[in-house]
Amino acid sequence: MNKKLIIGTANFGMNYGISVNQKKLLDKDIIDILVSAEKMGIETLDTAISYGDSIERLGNVGVQKFKIICKIPRIPFDIKNPSDWYKLSVTNLIKKLNKNNLEAILLHYPKDLLINKNHKLIQTLLDFKKNKIVNKIGVSIYEKKELEEILKIFKPDIIQCPINIFDNRLTKNNFLKRFSDKGIEIHARSIFLQGLLLQDGNKIPEEFSKFEKLFKKWENWLKLNNLNSLEACIIYTNFISEVTKIVVGINSAVQLKEIIKYKNKNIKFEIPKWQNTIDKELIDPRKWKKKY
């Protein structure tokens, strides 16, 4: 079922990713992707207020047939009433997208809930659901600790988190199973690590040169298993049982078809032993010197 896939739209509104092919898309490319996605049974798009003008462009091309998940950024420091700011942000989102409601909103900075244990903000989020403005409320997180703190005060419907063949911080030791068993959806993002895992070895940016040996191991592992990098990233994430949805950023309708082909492959492979030795500096884009 292709409903498991969600189209990420960061490159609909800005340059995003390491590859030269991951630049901001033209309107024609966006329309081609959305037409293909609909034909292939993909129902959901993932966007964010911080993704340049992606929301405006989605509204302009028309997304009435899609469910929209949108990440809300950190509450600005000068905002005195966070609840009112959230209400206005969500109202503007719906208006720009020409939608009646949203499938979900995700807190892009979930620590906003922890500031003074912001119960009023939590109630505002729950009211969004009660009034059917949004169907689900979730959080977009990076680390275990961040999630564990949030769950002390709020149970989200969705946890969106980084999962890829280089980054198993949240999947090892059945960590995510605790939440999927409670009916919380797990949405995997960053499955290509902003395109880094799809790069040929000789095209890895100089910033990552100190990880040259690791990328060589990655290349050798792909050859040993007769896989290409796109194929390996898709299959790896798809076979993690806790994962409900997979967010994929794409450059074209052609690439989307390729992703779906690999997603529907029923093959398994042995996870590389070096997976547990990878430096956090590599797998957390917030720590990269250059922003792609």
Protein backbone atom coordinates (compact mmCIF):
# COMPACT_ATOMS: atom_id res chain seq x y z
CA MET A 1 0.00 0.00 0.00
CA ASN A 2 1.46 3.36 -1.07
CA LYS A 3 -0.58 5.15 1.61
CA LYS A 4 2.39 4.50 3.89
CA LEU A 5 4.41 7.08 1.95
CA ILE A 6 4.19 10.80 2.68
CA ILE A 7 5.64 13.35 0.27
CA GLY A 8 7.98 15.77 2.03
CA THR A 9 7.77 19.27 0.58
CA ALA A 10 10.85 21.10 1.90
CA ASN A 11 12.23 21.48 -1.63
CA PHE A 12 8.87 22.82 -2.83
CA GLY A 13 9.72 26.03 -1.00
CA MET A 14 13.50 26.23 -0.71
CA ASN A 15 16.80 24.60 -1.60
CA TYR A 16 17.02 21.51 0.55
CA GLY A 17 19.49 18.67 0.64
CA ILE A 18 23.07 18.02 -0.33
CA SER A 19 22.69 16.98 -3.96
CA VAL A 20 22.75 19.61 -6.70
CA ASN A 21 19.51 17.97 -7.86
CA GLN A 22 17.78 18.88 -4.59
CA LYS A 23 17.17 22.52 -5.36
CA LYS A 24 13.88 24.36 -5.04
CA LEU A 25 11.45 22.82 -7.51
CA LEU A 26 9.65 24.58 -10.34
CA ASP A 27 5.85 24.74 -10.35
CA LYS A 28 5.78 22.24 -13.20
CA ASP A 29 7.81 19.73 -11.18
CA ILE A 30 5.53 20.13 -8.16
CA ILE A 31 2.42 19.56 -10.26
CA ASP A 32 3.96 16.48 -11.92
CA ILE A 33 4.86 15.03 -8.51
CA LEU A 34 1.41 15.65 -7.06
CA VAL A 35 -0.39 14.20 -10.09
CA SER A 36 1.80 11.08 -9.95
CA ALA A 37 1.40 10.79 -6.18
CA GLU A 38 -2.38 10.86 -6.45
CA LYS A 39 -2.38 8.23 -9.20
CA MET A 40 -0.16 5.99 -7.07
CA GLY A 41 -2.42 6.19 -4.04
CA ILE A 42 -0.33 8.53 -1.90
CA GLU A 43 -2.67 10.55 0.29
CA THR A 44 -0.53 12.80 2.48
CA LEU A 45 1.91 15.71 2.17
CA ASP A 46 4.27 16.91 4.90
CA THR A 47 5.16 20.58 5.05
CA ALA A 48 6.28 23.23 7.54
CA ILE A 49 5.99 26.95 8.07
CA SER A 50 9.81 27.03 7.97
CA TYR A 51 9.95 25.50 4.46
CA GLY A 52 10.23 28.79 2.58
CA ASP A 53 7.12 29.42 0.48
CA SER A 54 6.11 25.76 0.21
CA ILE A 55 2.73 26.35 1.87
CA GLU A 56 1.83 29.19 -0.49
CA ARG A 57 2.90 27.12 -3.50
CA LEU A 58 0.88 24.12 -2.35
CA GLY A 59 -2.14 26.36 -1.99
CA ASN A 60 -1.59 27.79 -5.47
CA VAL A 61 -1.29 24.44 -7.26
CA GLY A 62 -4.18 22.92 -5.30
CA VAL A 63 -3.99 20.19 -2.67
CA GLN A 64 -7.67 19.57 -1.98
CA LYS A 65 -7.25 15.85 -2.65
CA PHE A 66 -4.40 15.45 -0.15
CA LYS A 67 -4.18 15.26 3.61
CA ILE A 68 -1.77 17.88 4.94
CA ILE A 69 0.57 17.52 7.91
CA CYS A 70 2.25 20.77 8.89
CA LYS A 71 5.03 21.46 11.37
CA ILE A 72 4.65 24.59 13.48
CA PRO A 73 7.90 26.37 14.42
CA ARG A 74 9.17 27.47 17.79
CA ILE A 75 7.02 30.12 19.44
CA PRO A 76 8.82 33.48 18.99
CA PHE A 77 10.32 34.91 22.17
CA ASP A 78 8.26 38.10 21.98
CA ILE A 79 4.92 36.26 21.93
CA LYS A 80 3.06 36.84 25.19
CA ASN A 81 0.13 34.52 24.46
CA PRO A 82 1.33 31.25 22.86
CA SER A 83 -2.20 29.87 22.54
CA ASP A 84 -3.39 32.86 20.50
CA TRP A 85 -0.25 32.66 18.36
CA TYR A 86 -0.97 28.99 17.62
CA LYS A 87 -4.60 29.71 16.77
CA LEU A 88 -3.58 32.44 14.34
CA SER A 89 -0.83 30.28 12.80
CA VAL A 90 -3.18 27.36 12.16
CA THR A 91 -5.95 29.62 10.82
CA ASN A 92 -3.48 31.19 8.37
CA LEU A 93 -2.22 27.77 7.32
CA ILE A 94 -5.67 26.52 6.45
CA LYS A 95 -6.41 29.72 4.54
CA LYS A 96 -3.18 29.60 2.51
CA LEU A 97 -3.70 25.92 1.67
CA ASN A 98 -7.36 26.45 0.70
CA LYS A 99 -8.32 23.58 2.99
CA ASN A 100 -11.17 23.11 5.46
CA ASN A 101 -8.88 21.45 8.00
CA LEU A 102 -5.52 19.73 8.42
CA GLU A 103 -4.68 16.09 8.91
CA ALA A 104 -2.19 17.00 11.63
CA ILE A 105 -0.02 19.69 13.10
CA LEU A 106 3.34 18.75 14.57
CA LEU A 107 5.30 20.86 17.02
CA HIS A 108 8.63 21.50 15.31
CA TYR A 109 9.98 22.63 18.68
CA PRO A 110 8.09 20.43 21.15
CA LYS A 111 10.00 21.91 24.08
CA ASP A 112 7.46 24.73 23.83
CA LEU A 113 5.18 22.38 25.76
CA LEU A 114 7.74 22.01 28.53
CA ILE A 115 8.17 25.71 29.20
CA ASN A 116 6.32 26.21 32.46
CA LYS A 117 4.47 22.99 31.60
CA ASN A 118 2.34 24.96 29.19
CA HIS A 119 -1.07 23.44 29.97
CA LYS A 120 -2.95 26.26 28.26
CA LEU A 121 -1.15 25.52 25.01
CA ILE A 122 -1.87 21.81 25.39
CA GLN A 123 -5.56 22.61 25.84
CA THR A 124 -5.46 24.76 22.71
CA LEU A 125 -4.03 21.83 20.75
CA LEU A 126 -6.71 19.50 22.10
CA ASP A 127 -9.38 22.07 21.18
CA PHE A 128 -8.10 22.01 17.59
CA LYS A 129 -8.98 18.31 17.51
CA LYS A 130 -12.27 18.74 19.34
CA ASN A 131 -13.37 21.39 16.84
CA LYS A 132 -12.12 19.27 13.90
CA ILE A 133 -9.69 21.95 12.77
CA VAL A 134 -7.04 19.23 12.80
CA ASN A 135 -7.44 15.48 13.07
CA LYS A 136 -4.21 14.75 14.93
CA ILE A 137 -1.58 16.47 17.06
CA GLY A 138 2.04 15.37 17.08
CA VAL A 139 5.66 16.24 17.72
CA SER A 140 8.72 16.30 15.50
CA ILE A 141 11.72 15.22 17.55
CA TYR A 142 15.42 14.45 17.22
CA GLU A 143 16.35 12.55 20.37
CA LYS A 144 15.05 10.06 22.93
CA LYS A 145 15.39 12.41 25.87
CA GLU A 146 13.32 15.07 24.14
CA LEU A 147 10.50 12.59 23.54
CA GLU A 148 10.55 11.15 27.03
CA GLU A 149 10.19 14.63 28.54
CA ILE A 150 7.22 15.46 26.31
CA LEU A 151 5.41 12.23 27.13
CA LYS A 152 5.38 13.12 30.82
CA ILE A 153 2.84 15.87 30.11
CA PHE A 154 1.29 15.12 26.71
CA LYS A 155 0.46 12.05 24.62
CA PRO A 156 0.79 12.88 20.92
CA ASP A 157 -1.04 11.10 18.12
CA ILE A 158 2.08 11.21 15.94
CA ILE A 159 5.81 11.08 16.62
CA GLN A 160 7.89 12.16 13.63
CA CYS A 161 11.56 11.28 14.04
CA PRO A 162 14.78 10.66 12.09
CA ILE A 163 15.28 7.04 11.06
CA ASN A 164 17.75 5.83 8.47
CA ILE A 165 20.32 3.13 7.93
CA PHE A 166 22.99 5.34 9.55
CA ASP A 167 20.79 6.42 12.46
CA ASN A 168 19.17 3.77 14.65
CA ARG A 169 19.15 5.78 17.90
CA LEU A 170 15.37 5.59 18.19
CA THR A 171 14.82 2.10 16.81
CA LYS A 172 17.29 0.03 18.79
CA ASN A 173 16.28 -1.74 22.00
CA ASN A 174 12.60 -1.54 20.98
CA PHE A 175 12.45 2.10 22.10
CA LEU A 176 9.74 3.11 19.61
CA LYS A 177 7.73 -0.04 20.24
CA ARG A 178 6.70 1.42 23.61
CA PHE A 179 4.82 4.13 21.75
CA SER A 180 3.51 2.21 18.74
CA ASP A 181 2.01 -0.30 21.19
CA LYS A 182 0.03 2.61 22.66
CA GLY A 183 -1.43 3.47 19.26
CA ILE A 184 0.90 6.40 18.57
CA GLU A 185 1.82 6.71 14.89
CA ILE A 186 5.55 6.69 14.11
CA HIS A 187 6.51 8.73 11.05
CA ALA A 188 10.07 8.22 9.82
CA ARG A 189 11.79 11.24 8.33
CA SER A 190 15.34 11.96 7.13
CA ILE A 191 15.54 8.47 5.64
CA PHE A 192 18.12 9.72 3.11
CA LEU A 193 19.85 12.01 5.66
CA GLN A 194 19.11 15.10 3.53
CA GLY A 195 20.37 13.24 0.47
CA LEU A 196 23.79 12.46 1.94
CA LEU A 197 23.20 8.70 1.80
CA LEU A 198 22.36 8.92 -1.91
CA GLN A 199 25.64 10.59 -2.90
CA ASP A 200 28.35 8.80 -4.82
CA GLY A 201 31.47 8.38 -2.73
CA ASN A 202 33.44 10.89 -4.81
CA LYS A 203 30.71 13.53 -4.41
CA ILE A 204 30.51 13.59 -0.62
CA PRO A 205 30.95 17.22 0.52
CA GLU A 206 34.37 18.04 1.94
CA GLU A 207 32.79 18.77 5.33
CA PHE A 208 32.30 15.02 5.76
CA SER A 209 35.77 13.96 4.61
CA LYS A 210 36.69 12.70 8.08
CA PHE A 211 33.97 10.06 7.64
CA GLU A 212 35.53 8.80 4.41
CA LYS A 213 36.17 5.32 5.81
CA LEU A 214 32.55 5.00 6.90
CA PHE A 215 31.24 5.98 3.47
CA LYS A 216 33.59 3.43 1.94
CA LYS A 217 32.09 0.77 4.21
CA TRP A 218 28.65 1.94 3.08
CA GLU A 219 29.61 1.58 -0.58
CA ASN A 220 31.10 -1.86 -0.01
CA TRP A 221 28.03 -2.99 1.93
CA LEU A 222 25.77 -1.88 -0.93
CA LYS A 223 27.87 -3.83 -3.45
CA LEU A 224 27.92 -6.90 -1.21
CA ASN A 225 24.11 -6.87 -1.01
CA ASN A 226 23.62 -5.93 -4.67
CA LEU A 227 21.68 -2.79 -3.73
CA ASN A 228 21.78 0.84 -4.74
CA SER A 229 21.63 3.52 -2.05
CA LEU A 230 18.05 4.63 -2.73
CA GLU A 231 16.85 1.04 -2.67
CA ALA A 232 18.64 0.25 0.59
CA CYS A 233 17.32 3.35 2.37
CA ILE A 234 13.72 2.64 1.38
CA ILE A 235 13.75 -1.07 2.16
CA TYR A 236 15.52 -0.58 5.50
CA THR A 237 12.94 1.91 6.77
CA ASN A 238 9.96 0.04 5.34
CA PHE A 239 10.79 -3.11 7.28
CA ILE A 240 10.90 -1.42 10.69
CA SER A 241 7.63 -2.71 12.10
CA GLU A 242 6.97 0.28 14.36
CA VAL A 243 7.04 2.74 11.45
CA THR A 244 3.54 3.77 10.38
CA LYS A 245 4.48 6.29 7.68
CA ILE A 246 7.62 7.21 5.75
CA VAL A 247 8.29 10.81 4.72
CA VAL A 248 10.25 11.02 1.47
CA GLY A 249 11.65 14.10 -0.18
CA ILE A 250 11.76 13.74 -3.96
CA ASN A 251 13.02 15.68 -6.96
CA SER A 252 10.71 14.39 -9.68
CA ALA A 253 7.79 12.15 -10.55
CA VAL A 254 10.29 9.70 -12.02
CA GLN A 255 12.10 9.38 -8.69
CA LEU A 256 8.78 8.87 -6.92
CA LYS A 257 8.02 5.88 -9.16
CA GLU A 258 11.46 4.48 -8.37
CA ILE A 259 10.87 4.86 -4.63
CA ILE A 260 7.54 3.05 -4.85
CA LYS A 261 9.14 0.23 -6.82
CA TYR A 262 11.72 -0.32 -4.08
CA LYS A 263 9.19 0.08 -1.27
CA ASN A 264 7.16 -2.79 -2.68
CA LYS A 265 10.17 -5.11 -2.90
CA ASN A 266 9.94 -7.99 -0.47
CA ILE A 267 13.60 -8.55 0.29
CA LYS A 268 15.59 -8.49 3.51
CA PHE A 269 19.25 -7.97 4.24
CA GLU A 270 21.58 -8.14 7.19
CA ILE A 271 22.01 -4.81 8.95
CA PRO A 272 25.64 -3.61 8.79
CA LYS A 273 27.57 -4.03 12.03
CA TRP A 274 29.07 -0.57 11.74
CA GLN A 275 25.62 1.00 12.18
CA ASN A 276 26.05 1.24 15.96
CA THR A 277 29.38 3.08 15.74
CA ILE A 278 28.36 6.17 13.78
CA ASP A 279 29.24 9.61 15.15
CA LYS A 280 26.29 11.78 16.18
CA GLU A 281 27.98 14.69 14.43
CA LEU A 282 27.25 12.96 11.13
CA ILE A 283 23.67 11.82 11.69
CA ASP A 284 22.30 15.04 13.21
CA PRO A 285 22.08 17.77 10.52
CA ARG A 286 21.80 20.41 13.24
CA LYS A 287 25.47 19.75 13.95
CA TRP A 288 26.61 20.17 10.34
CA LYS A 289 28.76 23.25 9.73
CA LYS A 290 26.96 24.06 6.49
CA LYS A 291 23.17 24.08 6.12
CA TYR A 292 21.97 22.36 2.96
